[in-house]
């Protein structure tokens, strides 16, 4: 189930306070493909081992947060640096 618009309107990055938005499906697929290859890490350097069901990304694209069972995991250490899915 997608995150409600009301909740999305109040969520922001806990570190930078930048608002978040839903991670687009193409970027989510790209990130999950890279997770399967074993090349994605969290902010704390630990590998991301489980694909994301959904994701939130800061409006500046700097950090991605996973959403598990419709619950955003907004923990700084478990943010995924956005440069890991940037193209080009």
PDB file of N, CA and C in Angstrom:
ATOM      1  N   UNK A   1       0.844  -1.168   0.000  1.00  0.00           N
ATOM      2  CA  UNK A   1       0.000   0.000   0.000  1.00  0.00           C
ATOM      3  C   UNK A   1       0.895   1.240   0.000  1.00  0.00           C
ATOM      4  N   UNK A   2       0.650   2.164  -0.915  1.00  0.00           N
ATOM      5  CA  UNK A   2       1.480   3.373  -0.974  1.00  0.00           C
ATOM      6  C   UNK A   2       1.306   4.249   0.269  1.00  0.00           C
ATOM      7  N   UNK A   3       2.309   5.069   0.513  1.00  0.00           N
ATOM      8  CA  UNK A   3       2.274   6.002   1.637  1.00  0.00           C
ATOM      9  C   UNK A   3       1.203   7.054   1.377  1.00  0.00           C
ATOM     10  N   UNK A   4       0.464   7.399   2.411  1.00  0.00           N
ATOM     11  CA  UNK A   4      -0.589   8.401   2.249  1.00  0.00           C
ATOM     12  C   UNK A   4       0.015   9.768   1.951  1.00  0.00           C
ATOM     13  N   UNK A   5      -0.709  10.552   1.189  1.00  0.00           N
ATOM     14  CA  UNK A   5      -0.260  11.898   0.836  1.00  0.00           C
ATOM     15  C   UNK A   5      -0.087  12.759   2.083  1.00  0.00           C
ATOM     16  N   UNK A   6      -0.965  12.586   3.077  1.00  0.00           N
ATOM     17  CA  UNK A   6      -0.854  13.353   4.322  1.00  0.00           C
ATOM     18  C   UNK A   6       0.462  13.075   5.033  1.00  0.00           C
ATOM     19  N   UNK A   7       0.839  11.803   5.108  1.00  0.00           N
ATOM     20  CA  UNK A   7       2.099  11.442   5.749  1.00  0.00           C
ATOM     21  C   UNK A   7       3.280  11.962   4.935  1.00  0.00           C
ATOM     22  N   UNK A   8       3.198  11.810   3.630  1.00  0.00           N
ATOM     23  CA  UNK A   8       4.281  12.268   2.760  1.00  0.00           C
ATOM     24  C   UNK A   8       4.522  13.766   2.910  1.00  0.00           C
ATOM     25  N   UNK A   9       3.466  14.513   3.135  1.00  0.00           N
ATOM     26  CA  UNK A   9       3.584  15.971   3.265  1.00  0.00           C
ATOM     27  C   UNK A   9       4.329  16.402   4.533  1.00  0.00           C
ATOM     28  N   UNK A  10       4.413  15.541   5.536  1.00  0.00           N
ATOM     29  CA  UNK A  10       5.096  15.939   6.773  1.00  0.00           C
ATOM     30  C   UNK A  10       6.471  15.295   6.948  1.00  0.00           C
ATOM     31  N   UNK A  11       6.792  14.301   6.117  1.00  0.00           N
ATOM     32  CA  UNK A  11       8.076  13.621   6.250  1.00  0.00           C
ATOM     33  C   UNK A  11       9.209  14.441   5.642  1.00  0.00           C
ATOM     34  N   UNK A  12      10.360  14.372   6.297  1.00  0.00           N
ATOM     35  CA  UNK A  12      11.565  14.996   5.764  1.00  0.00           C
ATOM     36  C   UNK A  12      12.770  14.200   6.254  1.00  0.00           C
ATOM     37  N   UNK A  13      13.896  14.449   5.632  1.00  0.00           N
ATOM     38  CA  UNK A  13      15.138  13.792   6.039  1.00  0.00           C
ATOM     39  C   UNK A  13      15.445  14.194   7.483  1.00  0.00           C
ATOM     40  N   UNK A  14      15.685  13.227   8.368  1.00  0.00           N
ATOM     41  CA  UNK A  14      15.958  13.563   9.767  1.00  0.00           C
ATOM     42  C   UNK A  14      17.282  14.310   9.967  1.00  0.00           C
ATOM     43  N   UNK A  15      18.186  14.203   9.016  1.00  0.00           N
ATOM     44  CA  UNK A  15      19.478  14.882   9.143  1.00  0.00           C
ATOM     45  C   UNK A  15      19.452  16.277   8.541  1.00  0.00           C
ATOM     46  N   UNK A  16      18.922  16.416   7.311  1.00  0.00           N
ATOM     47  CA  UNK A  16      18.988  17.699   6.599  1.00  0.00           C
ATOM     48  C   UNK A  16      17.684  18.479   6.621  1.00  0.00           C
ATOM     49  N   UNK A  17      16.592  17.809   6.980  1.00  0.00           N
ATOM     50  CA  UNK A  17      15.246  18.395   6.995  1.00  0.00           C
ATOM     51  C   UNK A  17      14.712  18.703   5.594  1.00  0.00           C
ATOM     52  N   UNK A  18      15.340  18.151   4.550  1.00  0.00           N
ATOM     53  CA  UNK A  18      14.858  18.292   3.182  1.00  0.00           C
ATOM     54  C   UNK A  18      13.632  17.394   3.018  1.00  0.00           C
ATOM     55  N   UNK A  19      12.539  17.904   2.433  1.00  0.00           N
ATOM     56  CA  UNK A  19      11.352  17.069   2.220  1.00  0.00           C
ATOM     57  C   UNK A  19      11.662  15.855   1.336  1.00  0.00           C
ATOM     58  N   UNK A  20      10.834  14.822   1.474  1.00  0.00           N
ATOM     59  CA  UNK A  20      10.998  13.610   0.679  1.00  0.00           C
ATOM     60  C   UNK A  20       9.811  13.423  -0.251  1.00  0.00           C
ATOM     61  N   UNK A  21      10.037  12.628  -1.267  1.00  0.00           N
ATOM     62  CA  UNK A  21       8.986  12.258  -2.203  1.00  0.00           C
ATOM     63  C   UNK A  21       9.150  10.777  -2.518  1.00  0.00           C
ATOM     64  N   UNK A  22       8.148  10.199  -3.142  1.00  0.00           N
ATOM     65  CA  UNK A  22       8.207   8.783  -3.494  1.00  0.00           C
ATOM     66  C   UNK A  22       9.298   8.571  -4.546  1.00  0.00           C
ATOM     67  N   UNK A  23      10.118   7.553  -4.339  1.00  0.00           N
ATOM     68  CA  UNK A  23      11.153   7.198  -5.295  1.00  0.00           C
ATOM     69  C   UNK A  23      10.480   6.658  -6.552  1.00  0.00           C
ATOM     70  N   UNK A  24      10.736   7.261  -7.717  1.00  0.00           N
ATOM     71  CA  UNK A  24      10.103   6.787  -8.961  1.00  0.00           C
ATOM     72  C   UNK A  24      10.406   5.316  -9.234  1.00  0.00           C
ATOM     73  N   UNK A  25       9.465   4.644  -9.875  1.00  0.00           N
ATOM     74  CA  UNK A  25       9.565   3.202 -10.123  1.00  0.00           C
ATOM     75  C   UNK A  25      10.829   2.826 -10.880  1.00  0.00           C
ATOM     76  N   UNK A  26      11.256   3.639 -11.852  1.00  0.00           N
ATOM     77  CA  UNK A  26      12.455   3.290 -12.609  1.00  0.00           C
ATOM     78  C   UNK A  26      13.705   3.375 -11.732  1.00  0.00           C
ATOM     79  N   UNK A  27      13.755   4.341 -10.841  1.00  0.00           N
ATOM     80  CA  UNK A  27      14.896   4.462  -9.937  1.00  0.00           C
ATOM     81  C   UNK A  27      14.878   3.354  -8.880  1.00  0.00           C
ATOM     82  N   UNK A  28      13.674   2.983  -8.426  1.00  0.00           N
ATOM     83  CA  UNK A  28      13.546   1.877  -7.479  1.00  0.00           C
ATOM     84  C   UNK A  28      14.048   0.581  -8.115  1.00  0.00           C
ATOM     85  N   UNK A  29      13.670   0.339  -9.369  1.00  0.00           N
ATOM     86  CA  UNK A  29      14.122  -0.866 -10.075  1.00  0.00           C
ATOM     87  C   UNK A  29      15.634  -0.851 -10.254  1.00  0.00           C
ATOM     88  N   UNK A  30      16.199   0.314 -10.591  1.00  0.00           N
ATOM     89  CA  UNK A  30      17.647   0.452 -10.751  1.00  0.00           C
ATOM     90  C   UNK A  30      18.359   0.167  -9.429  1.00  0.00           C
ATOM     91  N   UNK A  31      17.851   0.753  -8.349  1.00  0.00           N
ATOM     92  CA  UNK A  31      18.448   0.542  -7.032  1.00  0.00           C
ATOM     93  C   UNK A  31      18.381  -0.926  -6.633  1.00  0.00           C
ATOM     94  N   UNK A  32      17.234  -1.561  -6.824  1.00  0.00           N
ATOM     95  CA  UNK A  32      17.093  -2.975  -6.449  1.00  0.00           C
ATOM     96  C   UNK A  32      18.011  -3.870  -7.276  1.00  0.00           C
ATOM     97  N   UNK A  33      18.223  -3.528  -8.544  1.00  0.00           N
ATOM     98  CA  UNK A  33      19.151  -4.305  -9.375  1.00  0.00           C
ATOM     99  C   UNK A  33      20.573  -4.179  -8.822  1.00  0.00           C
ATOM    100  N   UNK A  34      20.937  -2.970  -8.397  1.00  0.00           N
ATOM    101  CA  UNK A  34      22.272  -2.766  -7.831  1.00  0.00           C
ATOM    102  C   UNK A  34      22.418  -3.435  -6.461  1.00  0.00           C
ATOM    103  N   UNK A  35      21.329  -3.477  -5.700  1.00  0.00           N
ATOM    104  CA  UNK A  35      21.356  -4.187  -4.410  1.00  0.00           C
ATOM    105  C   UNK A  35      21.627  -5.669  -4.660  1.00  0.00           C
ATOM    106  N   UNK A  36      20.964  -6.240  -5.661  1.00  0.00           N
ATOM    107  CA  UNK A  36      21.165  -7.661  -5.973  1.00  0.00           C
ATOM    108  C   UNK A  36      22.600  -7.941  -6.396  1.00  0.00           C
ATOM    109  N   UNK A  37      23.249  -6.979  -7.012  1.00  0.00           N
ATOM    110  CA  UNK A  37      24.643  -7.142  -7.431  1.00  0.00           C
ATOM    111  C   UNK A  37      25.610  -6.967  -6.256  1.00  0.00           C
ATOM    112  N   UNK A  38      25.089  -6.450  -5.132  1.00  0.00           N
ATOM    113  CA  UNK A  38      25.900  -6.319  -3.933  1.00  0.00           C
ATOM    114  C   UNK A  38      26.701  -5.041  -3.836  1.00  0.00           C
ATOM    115  N   UNK A  39      26.308  -4.005  -4.562  1.00  0.00           N
ATOM    116  CA  UNK A  39      27.117  -2.798  -4.547  1.00  0.00           C
ATOM    117  C   UNK A  39      26.526  -1.593  -3.853  1.00  0.00           C
ATOM    118  N   UNK A  40      25.490  -1.763  -3.043  1.00  0.00           N
ATOM    119  CA  UNK A  40      24.831  -0.620  -2.405  1.00  0.00           C
ATOM    120  C   UNK A  40      25.043  -0.687  -0.896  1.00  0.00           C
ATOM    121  N   UNK A  41      25.383   0.457  -0.307  1.00  0.00           N
ATOM    122  CA  UNK A  41      25.587   0.522   1.139  1.00  0.00           C
ATOM    123  C   UNK A  41      24.736   1.620   1.753  1.00  0.00           C
ATOM    124  N   UNK A  42      24.437   1.447   3.043  1.00  0.00           N
ATOM    125  CA  UNK A  42      23.750   2.472   3.822  1.00  0.00           C
ATOM    126  C   UNK A  42      24.738   3.568   4.199  1.00  0.00           C
ATOM    127  N   UNK A  43      24.240   4.638   4.790  1.00  0.00           N
ATOM    128  CA  UNK A  43      25.078   5.743   5.260  1.00  0.00           C
ATOM    129  C   UNK A  43      26.171   5.249   6.201  1.00  0.00           C
ATOM    130  N   UNK A  44      25.852   4.239   7.009  1.00  0.00           N
ATOM    131  CA  UNK A  44      26.833   3.748   7.983  1.00  0.00           C
ATOM    132  C   UNK A  44      27.842   2.769   7.379  1.00  0.00           C
ATOM    133  N   UNK A  45      27.765   2.545   6.063  1.00  0.00           N
ATOM    134  CA  UNK A  45      28.715   1.681   5.379  1.00  0.00           C
ATOM    135  C   UNK A  45      28.331   0.219   5.303  1.00  0.00           C
ATOM    136  N   UNK A  46      27.266  -0.176   5.994  1.00  0.00           N
ATOM    137  CA  UNK A  46      26.826  -1.569   5.940  1.00  0.00           C
ATOM    138  C   UNK A  46      26.124  -1.821   4.604  1.00  0.00           C
ATOM    139  N   UNK A  47      26.265  -3.026   4.044  1.00  0.00           N
ATOM    140  CA  UNK A  47      25.630  -3.318   2.760  1.00  0.00           C
ATOM    141  C   UNK A  47      24.103  -3.413   2.882  1.00  0.00           C
ATOM    142  N   UNK A  48      23.433  -2.953   1.849  1.00  0.00           N
ATOM    143  CA  UNK A  48      21.977  -3.120   1.749  1.00  0.00           C
ATOM    144  C   UNK A  48      21.777  -4.514   1.176  1.00  0.00           C
ATOM    145  N   UNK A  49      21.172  -5.388   1.937  1.00  0.00           N
ATOM    146  CA  UNK A  49      21.048  -6.781   1.515  1.00  0.00           C
ATOM    147  C   UNK A  49      19.654  -7.125   0.994  1.00  0.00           C
ATOM    148  N   UNK A  50      18.662  -6.360   1.388  1.00  0.00           N
ATOM    149  CA  UNK A  50      17.276  -6.671   1.030  1.00  0.00           C
ATOM    150  C   UNK A  50      16.749  -5.597   0.079  1.00  0.00           C
ATOM    151  N   UNK A  51      16.129  -5.997  -1.044  1.00  0.00           N
ATOM    152  CA  UNK A  51      15.569  -5.002  -1.959  1.00  0.00           C
ATOM    153  C   UNK A  51      14.484  -4.165  -1.275  1.00  0.00           C
ATOM    154  N   UNK A  52      14.263  -2.985  -1.803  1.00  0.00           N
ATOM    155  CA  UNK A  52      13.237  -2.099  -1.253  1.00  0.00           C
ATOM    156  C   UNK A  52      11.882  -2.411  -1.884  1.00  0.00           C
ATOM    157  N   UNK A  53      10.838  -2.459  -1.061  1.00  0.00           N
ATOM    158  CA  UNK A  53       9.475  -2.590  -1.569  1.00  0.00           C
ATOM    159  C   UNK A  53       9.027  -1.253  -2.157  1.00  0.00           C
ATOM    160  N   UNK A  54       9.356  -0.205  -1.435  1.00  0.00           N
ATOM    161  CA  UNK A  54       9.087   1.169  -1.833  1.00  0.00           C
ATOM    162  C   UNK A  54      10.245   1.993  -1.303  1.00  0.00           C
ATOM    163  N   UNK A  55      10.344   3.215  -1.790  1.00  0.00           N
ATOM    164  CA  UNK A  55      11.393   4.091  -1.290  1.00  0.00           C
ATOM    165  C   UNK A  55      10.955   5.538  -1.297  1.00  0.00           C
ATOM    166  N   UNK A  56      11.601   6.312  -0.451  1.00  0.00           N
ATOM    167  CA  UNK A  56      11.425   7.763  -0.423  1.00  0.00           C
ATOM    168  C   UNK A  56      12.780   8.375  -0.713  1.00  0.00           C
ATOM    169  N   UNK A  57      12.797   9.443  -1.464  1.00  0.00           N
ATOM    170  CA  UNK A  57      14.044  10.115  -1.790  1.00  0.00           C
ATOM    171  C   UNK A  57      13.894  11.586  -1.432  1.00  0.00           C
ATOM    172  N   UNK A  58      14.962  12.165  -0.898  1.00  0.00           N
ATOM    173  CA  UNK A  58      14.915  13.585  -0.591  1.00  0.00           C
ATOM    174  C   UNK A  58      14.787  14.360  -1.899  1.00  0.00           C
ATOM    175  N   UNK A  59      14.157  15.527  -1.820  1.00  0.00           N
ATOM    176  CA  UNK A  59      13.928  16.316  -3.030  1.00  0.00           C
ATOM    177  C   UNK A  59      15.221  16.684  -3.741  1.00  0.00           C
ATOM    178  N   UNK A  60      16.334  16.729  -3.017  1.00  0.00           N
ATOM    179  CA  UNK A  60      17.617  17.024  -3.643  1.00  0.00           C
ATOM    180  C   UNK A  60      18.318  15.757  -4.155  1.00  0.00           C
ATOM    181  N   UNK A  61      17.694  14.585  -3.955  1.00  0.00           N
ATOM    182  CA  UNK A  61      18.238  13.328  -4.453  1.00  0.00           C
ATOM    183  C   UNK A  61      19.411  12.784  -3.660  1.00  0.00           C
ATOM    184  N   UNK A  62      19.724  13.403  -2.539  1.00  0.00           N
ATOM    185  CA  UNK A  62      20.911  13.010  -1.780  1.00  0.00           C
ATOM    186  C   UNK A  62      20.744  11.723  -0.979  1.00  0.00           C
ATOM    187  N   UNK A  63      19.527  11.435  -0.499  1.00  0.00           N
ATOM    188  CA  UNK A  63      19.336  10.282   0.375  1.00  0.00           C
ATOM    189  C   UNK A  63      18.034   9.566   0.041  1.00  0.00           C
ATOM    190  N   UNK A  64      18.091   8.243   0.090  1.00  0.00           N
ATOM    191  CA  UNK A  64      16.922   7.392  -0.136  1.00  0.00           C
ATOM    192  C   UNK A  64      16.641   6.651   1.166  1.00  0.00           C
ATOM    193  N   UNK A  65      15.373   6.585   1.522  1.00  0.00           N
ATOM    194  CA  UNK A  65      14.944   5.835   2.708  1.00  0.00           C
ATOM    195  C   UNK A  65      14.018   4.720   2.266  1.00  0.00           C
ATOM    196  N   UNK A  66      14.211   3.541   2.836  1.00  0.00           N
ATOM    197  CA  UNK A  66      13.363   2.410   2.494  1.00  0.00           C
ATOM    198  C   UNK A  66      12.004   2.549   3.170  1.00  0.00           C
ATOM    199  N   UNK A  67      11.006   1.913   2.588  1.00  0.00           N
ATOM    200  CA  UNK A  67       9.672   1.830   3.154  1.00  0.00           C
ATOM    201  C   UNK A  67       9.348   0.345   3.228  1.00  0.00           C
ATOM    202  N   UNK A  68       9.184  -0.166   4.442  1.00  0.00           N
ATOM    203  CA  UNK A  68       8.889  -1.578   4.655  1.00  0.00           C
ATOM    204  C   UNK A  68       7.481  -1.728   5.198  1.00  0.00           C
ATOM    205  N   UNK A  69       6.660  -2.497   4.492  1.00  0.00           N
ATOM    206  CA  UNK A  69       5.268  -2.726   4.912  1.00  0.00           C
ATOM    207  C   UNK A  69       4.544  -1.398   5.155  1.00  0.00           C
ATOM    208  N   UNK A  70       4.743  -0.451   4.228  1.00  0.00           N
ATOM    209  CA  UNK A  70       4.125   0.881   4.265  1.00  0.00           C
ATOM    210  C   UNK A  70       4.623   1.761   5.411  1.00  0.00           C
ATOM    211  N   UNK A  71       5.732   1.369   6.053  1.00  0.00           N
ATOM    212  CA  UNK A  71       6.298   2.151   7.154  1.00  0.00           C
ATOM    213  C   UNK A  71       7.642   2.726   6.715  1.00  0.00           C
ATOM    214  N   UNK A  72       7.747   4.058   6.619  1.00  0.00           N
ATOM    215  CA  UNK A  72       9.030   4.662   6.256  1.00  0.00           C
ATOM    216  C   UNK A  72      10.071   4.439   7.344  1.00  0.00           C
ATOM    217  N   UNK A  73      11.267   4.013   6.946  1.00  0.00           N
ATOM    218  CA  UNK A  73      12.365   3.809   7.877  1.00  0.00           C
ATOM    219  C   UNK A  73      13.269   5.044   7.765  1.00  0.00           C
ATOM    220  N   UNK A  74      12.953   6.054   8.569  1.00  0.00           N
ATOM    221  CA  UNK A  74      13.617   7.354   8.475  1.00  0.00           C
ATOM    222  C   UNK A  74      14.731   7.459   9.514  1.00  0.00           C
ATOM    223  N   UNK A  75      15.689   6.561   9.428  1.00  0.00           N
ATOM    224  CA  UNK A  75      16.844   6.555  10.329  1.00  0.00           C
ATOM    225  C   UNK A  75      18.073   7.009   9.543  1.00  0.00           C
ATOM    226  N   UNK A  76      18.816   7.955  10.076  1.00  0.00           N
ATOM    227  CA  UNK A  76      19.969   8.519   9.375  1.00  0.00           C
ATOM    228  C   UNK A  76      20.936   7.424   8.929  1.00  0.00           C
ATOM    229  N   UNK A  77      21.297   6.515   9.829  1.00  0.00           N
ATOM    230  CA  UNK A  77      22.265   5.466   9.499  1.00  0.00           C
ATOM    231  C   UNK A  77      21.769   4.524   8.408  1.00  0.00           C
ATOM    232  N   UNK A  78      20.443   4.416   8.258  1.00  0.00           N
ATOM    233  CA  UNK A  78      19.880   3.518   7.261  1.00  0.00           C
ATOM    234  C   UNK A  78      19.430   4.240   6.004  1.00  0.00           C
ATOM    235  N   UNK A  79      19.829   5.502   5.879  1.00  0.00           N
ATOM    236  CA  UNK A  79      19.629   6.198   4.621  1.00  0.00           C
ATOM    237  C   UNK A  79      20.598   5.636   3.590  1.00  0.00           C
ATOM    238  N   UNK A  80      20.201   5.638   2.344  1.00  0.00           N
ATOM    239  CA  UNK A  80      21.046   5.156   1.256  1.00  0.00           C
ATOM    240  C   UNK A  80      21.496   6.369   0.455  1.00  0.00           C
ATOM    241  N   UNK A  81      22.804   6.621   0.371  1.00  0.00           N
ATOM    242  CA  UNK A  81      23.275   7.758  -0.402  1.00  0.00           C
ATOM    243  C   UNK A  81      22.785   7.684  -1.846  1.00  0.00           C
ATOM    244  N   UNK A  82      22.158   8.745  -2.305  1.00  0.00           N
ATOM    245  CA  UNK A  82      21.525   8.770  -3.626  1.00  0.00           C
ATOM    246  C   UNK A  82      22.469   8.631  -4.796  1.00  0.00           C
ATOM    247  N   UNK A  83      23.744   8.958  -4.621  1.00  0.00           N
ATOM    248  CA  UNK A  83      24.680   8.870  -5.747  1.00  0.00           C
ATOM    249  C   UNK A  83      24.805   7.445  -6.265  1.00  0.00           C
ATOM    250  N   UNK A  84      24.361   6.477  -5.477  1.00  0.00           N
ATOM    251  CA  UNK A  84      24.485   5.071  -5.886  1.00  0.00           C
ATOM    252  C   UNK A  84      23.511   4.695  -6.992  1.00  0.00           C
ATOM    253  N   UNK A  85      22.531   5.550  -7.282  1.00  0.00           N
ATOM    254  CA  UNK A  85      21.613   5.240  -8.385  1.00  0.00           C
ATOM    255  C   UNK A  85      21.633   6.308  -9.470  1.00  0.00           C
ATOM    256  N   UNK A  86      22.449   7.298  -9.314  1.00  0.00           N
ATOM    257  CA  UNK A  86      22.498   8.342 -10.335  1.00  0.00           C
ATOM    258  C   UNK A  86      23.074   7.790 -11.629  1.00  0.00           C
ATOM    259  N   UNK A  87      22.455   8.183 -12.716  1.00  0.00           N
ATOM    260  CA  UNK A  87      22.923   7.750 -14.041  1.00  0.00           C
ATOM    261  C   UNK A  87      23.945   8.743 -14.567  1.00  0.00           C
ATOM    262  N   UNK A  88      24.873   8.214 -15.342  1.00  0.00           N
ATOM    263  CA  UNK A  88      25.787   9.061 -16.057  1.00  0.00           C
ATOM    264  C   UNK A  88      27.008   9.361 -15.309  1.00  0.00           C
TER     265      UNK A  88
END
